[in-house]
Amino acid sequence: MDTIVLVGYIAGILTTISFIPQVARAWRLKETRDLSLAMLLLFSAGVLLWALYGFWVSSLPIIAANVITFVLILVLLWLKFRYK
């Protein structure tokens, strides 16, 4: 594995798992008031575009990180509407 691909995987893992504490907190407290709906929607659009870009350039680290992050954002959006 090339060093740059390894860097891509590490970056993807770190940015993706950064959402896990927020999802856990929202789930545990049943509270999403502090989460901006506009930020979640814009960020999810950006992450989806990054995933599409990853498919376009055949970069598995970009694809994996952004698809998983997109799923976590979808969970946050679902919680945002559920606990409104």
PDB file of N, CA and C in Angstrom:
ATOM      1  N   MET A   1       0.853  -1.175   0.000  1.00  0.00           N
ATOM      2  CA  MET A   1       0.000   0.000   0.000  1.00  0.00           C
ATOM      3  C   MET A   1       0.900   1.241   0.000  1.00  0.00           C
ATOM      4  N   ASP A   2       0.602   2.165  -0.879  1.00  0.00           N
ATOM      5  CA  ASP A   2       1.365   3.404  -0.933  1.00  0.00           C
ATOM      6  C   ASP A   2       1.156   4.221   0.337  1.00  0.00           C
ATOM      7  N   THR A   3       2.152   4.982   0.713  1.00  0.00           N
ATOM      8  CA  THR A   3       2.067   5.835   1.904  1.00  0.00           C
ATOM      9  C   THR A   3       0.927   6.831   1.785  1.00  0.00           C
ATOM     10  N   ILE A   4       0.742   7.405   0.615  1.00  0.00           N
ATOM     11  CA  ILE A   4      -0.305   8.415   0.441  1.00  0.00           C
ATOM     12  C   ILE A   4      -1.700   7.803   0.595  1.00  0.00           C
ATOM     13  N   VAL A   5      -1.862   6.558   0.172  1.00  0.00           N
ATOM     14  CA  VAL A   5      -3.152   5.875   0.358  1.00  0.00           C
ATOM     15  C   VAL A   5      -3.381   5.616   1.839  1.00  0.00           C
ATOM     16  N   LEU A   6      -2.331   5.226   2.553  1.00  0.00           N
ATOM     17  CA  LEU A   6      -2.437   5.022   3.999  1.00  0.00           C
ATOM     18  C   LEU A   6      -2.822   6.323   4.696  1.00  0.00           C
ATOM     19  N   VAL A   7      -2.219   7.422   4.287  1.00  0.00           N
ATOM     20  CA  VAL A   7      -2.576   8.740   4.838  1.00  0.00           C
ATOM     21  C   VAL A   7      -4.057   9.019   4.568  1.00  0.00           C
ATOM     22  N   GLY A   8      -4.519   8.677   3.377  1.00  0.00           N
ATOM     23  CA  GLY A   8      -5.931   8.868   3.044  1.00  0.00           C
ATOM     24  C   GLY A   8      -6.850   8.058   3.940  1.00  0.00           C
ATOM     25  N   TYR A   9      -6.484   6.811   4.196  1.00  0.00           N
ATOM     26  CA  TYR A   9      -7.293   5.987   5.103  1.00  0.00           C
ATOM     27  C   TYR A   9      -7.303   6.551   6.515  1.00  0.00           C
ATOM     28  N   ILE A  10      -6.156   6.963   7.015  1.00  0.00           N
ATOM     29  CA  ILE A  10      -6.082   7.517   8.371  1.00  0.00           C
ATOM     30  C   ILE A  10      -6.910   8.794   8.467  1.00  0.00           C
ATOM     31  N   ALA A  11      -6.787   9.673   7.476  1.00  0.00           N
ATOM     32  CA  ALA A  11      -7.571  10.912   7.464  1.00  0.00           C
ATOM     33  C   ALA A  11      -9.064  10.597   7.431  1.00  0.00           C
ATOM     34  N   GLY A  12      -9.450   9.645   6.601  1.00  0.00           N
ATOM     35  CA  GLY A  12     -10.851   9.267   6.509  1.00  0.00           C
ATOM     36  C   GLY A  12     -11.390   8.683   7.798  1.00  0.00           C
ATOM     37  N   ILE A  13     -10.592   7.844   8.441  1.00  0.00           N
ATOM     38  CA  ILE A  13     -11.006   7.252   9.718  1.00  0.00           C
ATOM     39  C   ILE A  13     -11.197   8.335  10.772  1.00  0.00           C
ATOM     40  N   LEU A  14     -10.243   9.237  10.872  1.00  0.00           N
ATOM     41  CA  LEU A  14     -10.327  10.286  11.901  1.00  0.00           C
ATOM     42  C   LEU A  14     -11.512  11.223  11.668  1.00  0.00           C
ATOM     43  N   THR A  15     -11.710  11.663  10.429  1.00  0.00           N
ATOM     44  CA  THR A  15     -12.828  12.579  10.184  1.00  0.00           C
ATOM     45  C   THR A  15     -14.178  11.878  10.314  1.00  0.00           C
ATOM     46  N   THR A  16     -14.216  10.607   9.984  1.00  0.00           N
ATOM     47  CA  THR A  16     -15.472   9.866  10.102  1.00  0.00           C
ATOM     48  C   THR A  16     -15.828   9.596  11.555  1.00  0.00           C
ATOM     49  N   ILE A  17     -14.874   9.117  12.343  1.00  0.00           N
ATOM     50  CA  ILE A  17     -15.197   8.808  13.744  1.00  0.00           C
ATOM     51  C   ILE A  17     -15.438  10.059  14.572  1.00  0.00           C
ATOM     52  N   SER A  18     -15.075  11.219  14.038  1.00  0.00           N
ATOM     53  CA  SER A  18     -15.344  12.458  14.782  1.00  0.00           C
ATOM     54  C   SER A  18     -16.844  12.694  14.935  1.00  0.00           C
ATOM     55  N   PHE A  19     -17.669  12.082  14.096  1.00  0.00           N
ATOM     56  CA  PHE A  19     -19.115  12.235  14.209  1.00  0.00           C
ATOM     57  C   PHE A  19     -19.734  11.297  15.240  1.00  0.00           C
ATOM     58  N   ILE A  20     -19.045  10.245  15.590  1.00  0.00           N
ATOM     59  CA  ILE A  20     -19.621   9.251  16.500  1.00  0.00           C
ATOM     60  C   ILE A  20     -19.975   9.844  17.867  1.00  0.00           C
ATOM     61  N   PRO A  21     -19.122  10.663  18.497  1.00  0.00           N
ATOM     62  CA  PRO A  21     -19.533  11.251  19.783  1.00  0.00           C
ATOM     63  C   PRO A  21     -20.787  12.121  19.671  1.00  0.00           C
ATOM     64  N   GLN A  22     -20.943  12.836  18.554  1.00  0.00           N
ATOM     65  CA  GLN A  22     -22.132  13.672  18.382  1.00  0.00           C
ATOM     66  C   GLN A  22     -23.384  12.825  18.220  1.00  0.00           C
ATOM     67  N   VAL A  23     -23.286  11.759  17.444  1.00  0.00           N
ATOM     68  CA  VAL A  23     -24.423  10.857  17.277  1.00  0.00           C
ATOM     69  C   VAL A  23     -24.769  10.207  18.615  1.00  0.00           C
ATOM     70  N   ALA A  24     -23.773   9.743  19.344  1.00  0.00           N
ATOM     71  CA  ALA A  24     -24.007   9.100  20.648  1.00  0.00           C
ATOM     72  C   ALA A  24     -24.649  10.074  21.628  1.00  0.00           C
ATOM     73  N   ARG A  25     -24.169  11.311  21.644  1.00  0.00           N
ATOM     74  CA  ARG A  25     -24.716  12.317  22.567  1.00  0.00           C
ATOM     75  C   ARG A  25     -26.172  12.620  22.227  1.00  0.00           C
ATOM     76  N   ALA A  26     -26.452  12.829  20.944  1.00  0.00           N
ATOM     77  CA  ALA A  26     -27.823  13.133  20.532  1.00  0.00           C
ATOM     78  C   ALA A  26     -28.751  11.959  20.850  1.00  0.00           C
ATOM     79  N   TRP A  27     -28.273  10.752  20.629  1.00  0.00           N
ATOM     80  CA  TRP A  27     -29.071   9.552  20.904  1.00  0.00           C
ATOM     81  C   TRP A  27     -29.326   9.403  22.406  1.00  0.00           C
ATOM     82  N   ARG A  28     -28.263   9.582  23.199  1.00  0.00           N
ATOM     83  CA  ARG A  28     -28.365   9.402  24.641  1.00  0.00           C
ATOM     84  C   ARG A  28     -29.258  10.461  25.293  1.00  0.00           C
ATOM     85  N   LEU A  29     -29.080  11.713  24.893  1.00  0.00           N
ATOM     86  CA  LEU A  29     -29.823  12.812  25.522  1.00  0.00           C
ATOM     87  C   LEU A  29     -31.173  13.071  24.862  1.00  0.00           C
ATOM     88  N   LYS A  30     -31.396  12.452  23.699  1.00  0.00           N
ATOM     89  CA  LYS A  30     -32.624  12.699  22.924  1.00  0.00           C
ATOM     90  C   LYS A  30     -32.798  14.202  22.709  1.00  0.00           C
ATOM     91  N   GLU A  31     -31.706  14.848  22.303  1.00  0.00           N
ATOM     92  CA  GLU A  31     -31.670  16.306  22.186  1.00  0.00           C
ATOM     93  C   GLU A  31     -30.744  16.712  21.044  1.00  0.00           C
ATOM     94  N   THR A  32     -31.272  17.484  20.111  1.00  0.00           N
ATOM     95  CA  THR A  32     -30.470  17.918  18.960  1.00  0.00           C
ATOM     96  C   THR A  32     -30.599  19.420  18.721  1.00  0.00           C
ATOM     97  N   ARG A  33     -31.067  20.146  19.710  1.00  0.00           N
ATOM     98  CA  ARG A  33     -31.286  21.579  19.568  1.00  0.00           C
ATOM     99  C   ARG A  33     -30.032  22.326  19.140  1.00  0.00           C
ATOM    100  N   ASP A  34     -28.869  21.891  19.608  1.00  0.00           N
ATOM    101  CA  ASP A  34     -27.610  22.565  19.305  1.00  0.00           C
ATOM    102  C   ASP A  34     -27.075  22.256  17.904  1.00  0.00           C
ATOM    103  N   LEU A  35     -27.703  21.339  17.203  1.00  0.00           N
ATOM    104  CA  LEU A  35     -27.257  20.995  15.855  1.00  0.00           C
ATOM    105  C   LEU A  35     -28.008  21.843  14.837  1.00  0.00           C
ATOM    106  N   SER A  36     -27.276  22.548  14.013  1.00  0.00           N
ATOM    107  CA  SER A  36     -27.874  23.378  12.984  1.00  0.00           C
ATOM    108  C   SER A  36     -28.349  22.508  11.821  1.00  0.00           C
ATOM    109  N   LEU A  37     -29.620  22.631  11.483  1.00  0.00           N
ATOM    110  CA  LEU A  37     -30.165  21.876  10.362  1.00  0.00           C
ATOM    111  C   LEU A  37     -29.477  22.284   9.060  1.00  0.00           C
ATOM    112  N   ALA A  38     -29.245  23.573   8.884  1.00  0.00           N
ATOM    113  CA  ALA A  38     -28.574  24.047   7.671  1.00  0.00           C
ATOM    114  C   ALA A  38     -27.174  23.446   7.552  1.00  0.00           C
ATOM    115  N   MET A  39     -26.434  23.401   8.648  1.00  0.00           N
ATOM    116  CA  MET A  39     -25.089  22.819   8.624  1.00  0.00           C
ATOM    117  C   MET A  39     -25.149  21.342   8.257  1.00  0.00           C
ATOM    118  N   LEU A  40     -26.077  20.614   8.850  1.00  0.00           N
ATOM    119  CA  LEU A  40     -26.189  19.185   8.559  1.00  0.00           C
ATOM    120  C   LEU A  40     -26.548  18.940   7.091  1.00  0.00           C
ATOM    121  N   LEU A  41     -27.459  19.739   6.552  1.00  0.00           N
ATOM    122  CA  LEU A  41     -27.856  19.568   5.152  1.00  0.00           C
ATOM    123  C   LEU A  41     -26.713  19.934   4.203  1.00  0.00           C
ATOM    124  N   LEU A  42     -26.056  21.047   4.459  1.00  0.00           N
ATOM    125  CA  LEU A  42     -24.940  21.457   3.597  1.00  0.00           C
ATOM    126  C   LEU A  42     -23.783  20.477   3.690  1.00  0.00           C
ATOM    127  N   PHE A  43     -23.477  20.046   4.905  1.00  0.00           N
ATOM    128  CA  PHE A  43     -22.370  19.112   5.086  1.00  0.00           C
ATOM    129  C   PHE A  43     -22.672  17.775   4.426  1.00  0.00           C
ATOM    130  N   SER A  44     -23.924  17.319   4.548  1.00  0.00           N
ATOM    131  CA  SER A  44     -24.280  16.040   3.916  1.00  0.00           C
ATOM    132  C   SER A  44     -24.175  16.144   2.399  1.00  0.00           C
ATOM    133  N   ALA A  45     -24.560  17.287   1.825  1.00  0.00           N
ATOM    134  CA  ALA A  45     -24.413  17.472   0.382  1.00  0.00           C
ATOM    135  C   ALA A  45     -22.939  17.443  -0.017  1.00  0.00           C
ATOM    136  N   GLY A  46     -22.094  18.103   0.763  1.00  0.00           N
ATOM    137  CA  GLY A  46     -20.667  18.103   0.477  1.00  0.00           C
ATOM    138  C   GLY A  46     -20.055  16.722   0.587  1.00  0.00           C
ATOM    139  N   VAL A  47     -20.435  15.983   1.607  1.00  0.00           N
ATOM    140  CA  VAL A  47     -19.919  14.628   1.814  1.00  0.00           C
ATOM    141  C   VAL A  47     -20.378  13.711   0.681  1.00  0.00           C
ATOM    142  N   LEU A  48     -21.616  13.865   0.260  1.00  0.00           N
ATOM    143  CA  LEU A  48     -22.117  13.062  -0.852  1.00  0.00           C
ATOM    144  C   LEU A  48     -21.327  13.367  -2.139  1.00  0.00           C
ATOM    145  N   LEU A  49     -21.045  14.641  -2.368  1.00  0.00           N
ATOM    146  CA  LEU A  49     -20.248  15.008  -3.547  1.00  0.00           C
ATOM    147  C   LEU A  49     -18.823  14.461  -3.453  1.00  0.00           C
ATOM    148  N   TRP A  50     -18.234  14.472  -2.247  1.00  0.00           N
ATOM    149  CA  TRP A  50     -16.904  13.875  -2.066  1.00  0.00           C
ATOM    150  C   TRP A  50     -16.945  12.382  -2.383  1.00  0.00           C
ATOM    151  N   ALA A  51     -18.007  11.704  -1.962  1.00  0.00           N
ATOM    152  CA  ALA A  51     -18.133  10.271  -2.264  1.00  0.00           C
ATOM    153  C   ALA A  51     -18.227  10.049  -3.770  1.00  0.00           C
ATOM    154  N   LEU A  52     -19.021  10.876  -4.447  1.00  0.00           N
ATOM    155  CA  LEU A  52     -19.122  10.768  -5.904  1.00  0.00           C
ATOM    156  C   LEU A  52     -17.766  11.026  -6.562  1.00  0.00           C
ATOM    157  N   TYR A  53     -17.052  12.008  -6.056  1.00  0.00           N
ATOM    158  CA  TYR A  53     -15.706  12.280  -6.561  1.00  0.00           C
ATOM    159  C   TYR A  53     -14.802  11.063  -6.343  1.00  0.00           C
ATOM    160  N   GLY A  54     -14.906  10.440  -5.194  1.00  0.00           N
ATOM    161  CA  GLY A  54     -14.122   9.244  -4.898  1.00  0.00           C
ATOM    162  C   GLY A  54     -14.391   8.131  -5.890  1.00  0.00           C
ATOM    163  N   PHE A  55     -15.680   7.946  -6.239  1.00  0.00           N
ATOM    164  CA  PHE A  55     -16.013   6.952  -7.260  1.00  0.00           C
ATOM    165  C   PHE A  55     -15.403   7.337  -8.601  1.00  0.00           C
ATOM    166  N   TRP A  56     -15.473   8.616  -8.912  1.00  0.00           N
ATOM    167  CA  TRP A  56     -14.968   9.107 -10.200  1.00  0.00           C
ATOM    168  C   TRP A  56     -13.474   8.845 -10.360  1.00  0.00           C
ATOM    169  N   VAL A  57     -12.714   9.089  -9.266  1.00  0.00           N
ATOM    170  CA  VAL A  57     -11.255   8.908  -9.346  1.00  0.00           C
ATOM    171  C   VAL A  57     -10.812   7.546  -8.812  1.00  0.00           C
ATOM    172  N   SER A  58     -11.767   6.690  -8.477  1.00  0.00           N
ATOM    173  CA  SER A  58     -11.497   5.340  -7.965  1.00  0.00           C
ATOM    174  C   SER A  58     -10.605   5.347  -6.737  1.00  0.00           C
ATOM    175  N   SER A  59     -10.978   6.173  -5.759  1.00  0.00           N
ATOM    176  CA  SER A  59     -10.212   6.267  -4.518  1.00  0.00           C
ATOM    177  C   SER A  59     -11.011   5.674  -3.367  1.00  0.00           C
ATOM    178  N   LEU A  60     -10.654   4.449  -2.987  1.00  0.00           N
ATOM    179  CA  LEU A  60     -11.377   3.763  -1.921  1.00  0.00           C
ATOM    180  C   LEU A  60     -11.361   4.524  -0.590  1.00  0.00           C
ATOM    181  N   PRO A  61     -10.252   5.149  -0.169  1.00  0.00           N
ATOM    182  CA  PRO A  61     -10.296   5.905   1.092  1.00  0.00           C
ATOM    183  C   PRO A  61     -11.335   7.032   1.058  1.00  0.00           C
ATOM    184  N   ILE A  62     -11.427   7.740  -0.053  1.00  0.00           N
ATOM    185  CA  ILE A  62     -12.399   8.837  -0.165  1.00  0.00           C
ATOM    186  C   ILE A  62     -13.814   8.282  -0.177  1.00  0.00           C
ATOM    187  N   ILE A  63     -14.027   7.215  -0.911  1.00  0.00           N
ATOM    188  CA  ILE A  63     -15.359   6.610  -0.991  1.00  0.00           C
ATOM    189  C   ILE A  63     -15.801   6.120   0.386  1.00  0.00           C
ATOM    190  N   ALA A  64     -14.972   5.309   1.024  1.00  0.00           N
ATOM    191  CA  ALA A  64     -15.345   4.707   2.307  1.00  0.00           C
ATOM    192  C   ALA A  64     -15.620   5.759   3.372  1.00  0.00           C
ATOM    193  N   ALA A  65     -14.714   6.701   3.519  1.00  0.00           N
ATOM    194  CA  ALA A  65     -14.871   7.715   4.565  1.00  0.00           C
ATOM    195  C   ALA A  65     -16.142   8.527   4.360  1.00  0.00           C
ATOM    196  N   ASN A  66     -16.403   8.914   3.135  1.00  0.00           N
ATOM    197  CA  ASN A  66     -17.546   9.787   2.892  1.00  0.00           C
ATOM    198  C   ASN A  66     -18.877   9.053   2.900  1.00  0.00           C
ATOM    199  N   VAL A  67     -18.905   7.807   2.479  1.00  0.00           N
ATOM    200  CA  VAL A  67     -20.151   7.046   2.561  1.00  0.00           C
ATOM    201  C   VAL A  67     -20.509   6.802   4.031  1.00  0.00           C
ATOM    202  N   ILE A  68     -19.538   6.421   4.840  1.00  0.00           N
ATOM    203  CA  ILE A  68     -19.802   6.186   6.266  1.00  0.00           C
ATOM    204  C   ILE A  68     -20.190   7.492   6.960  1.00  0.00           C
ATOM    205  N   THR A  69     -19.485   8.575   6.649  1.00  0.00           N
ATOM    206  CA  THR A  69     -19.830   9.880   7.235  1.00  0.00           C
ATOM    207  C   THR A  69     -21.234  10.291   6.820  1.00  0.00           C
ATOM    208  N   PHE A  70     -21.604  10.047   5.574  1.00  0.00           N
ATOM    209  CA  PHE A  70     -22.944  10.377   5.103  1.00  0.00           C
ATOM    210  C   PHE A  70     -24.003   9.619   5.904  1.00  0.00           C
ATOM    211  N   VAL A  71     -23.757   8.358   6.180  1.00  0.00           N
ATOM    212  CA  VAL A  71     -24.701   7.567   6.982  1.00  0.00           C
ATOM    213  C   VAL A  71     -24.826   8.152   8.392  1.00  0.00           C
ATOM    214  N   LEU A  72     -23.692   8.530   8.992  1.00  0.00           N
ATOM    215  CA  LEU A  72     -23.744   9.141  10.331  1.00  0.00           C
ATOM    216  C   LEU A  72     -24.511  10.464  10.314  1.00  0.00           C
ATOM    217  N   ILE A  73     -24.346  11.248   9.270  1.00  0.00           N
ATOM    218  CA  ILE A  73     -25.086  12.502   9.158  1.00  0.00           C
ATOM    219  C   ILE A  73     -26.576  12.224   8.972  1.00  0.00           C
ATOM    220  N   LEU A  74     -26.902  11.186   8.212  1.00  0.00           N
ATOM    221  CA  LEU A  74     -28.311  10.813   8.068  1.00  0.00           C
ATOM    222  C   LEU A  74     -28.916  10.437   9.417  1.00  0.00           C
ATOM    223  N   VAL A  75     -28.146   9.751  10.246  1.00  0.00           N
ATOM    224  CA  VAL A  75     -28.626   9.410  11.594  1.00  0.00           C
ATOM    225  C   VAL A  75     -28.870  10.691  12.390  1.00  0.00           C
ATOM    226  N   LEU A  76     -27.935  11.640  12.315  1.00  0.00           N
ATOM    227  CA  LEU A  76     -28.127  12.915  13.022  1.00  0.00           C
ATOM    228  C   LEU A  76     -29.356  13.659  12.503  1.00  0.00           C
ATOM    229  N   LEU A  77     -29.568  13.654  11.202  1.00  0.00           N
ATOM    230  CA  LEU A  77     -30.755  14.305  10.642  1.00  0.00           C
ATOM    231  C   LEU A  77     -32.031  13.616  11.115  1.00  0.00           C
ATOM    232  N   TRP A  78     -32.006  12.288  11.137  1.00  0.00           N
ATOM    233  CA  TRP A  78     -33.169  11.541  11.621  1.00  0.00           C
ATOM    234  C   TRP A  78     -33.447  11.892  13.083  1.00  0.00           C
ATOM    235  N   LEU A  79     -32.390  11.938  13.892  1.00  0.00           N
ATOM    236  CA  LEU A  79     -32.555  12.311  15.305  1.00  0.00           C
ATOM    237  C   LEU A  79     -33.062  13.747  15.433  1.00  0.00           C
ATOM    238  N   LYS A  80     -32.558  14.630  14.585  1.00  0.00           N
ATOM    239  CA  LYS A  80     -32.979  16.038  14.619  1.00  0.00           C
ATOM    240  C   LYS A  80     -34.481  16.142  14.404  1.00  0.00           C
ATOM    241  N   PHE A  81     -35.011  15.400  13.435  1.00  0.00           N
ATOM    242  CA  PHE A  81     -36.456  15.458  13.182  1.00  0.00           C
ATOM    243  C   PHE A  81     -37.257  14.666  14.208  1.00  0.00           C
ATOM    244  N   ARG A  82     -36.680  13.591  14.709  1.00  0.00           N
ATOM    245  CA  ARG A  82     -37.393  12.764  15.694  1.00  0.00           C
ATOM    246  C   ARG A  82     -37.548  13.476  17.035  1.00  0.00           C
ATOM    247  N   TYR A  83     -36.520  14.199  17.446  1.00  0.00           N
ATOM    248  CA  TYR A  83     -36.543  14.854  18.762  1.00  0.00           C
ATOM    249  C   TYR A  83     -36.833  16.354  18.653  1.00  0.00           C
ATOM    250  N   LYS A  84     -37.472  16.762  17.583  1.00  0.00           N
ATOM    251  CA  LYS A  84     -37.770  18.174  17.368  1.00  0.00           C
ATOM    252  C   LYS A  84     -38.610  18.774  18.464  1.00  0.00           C
TER     253      LYS A  84
END
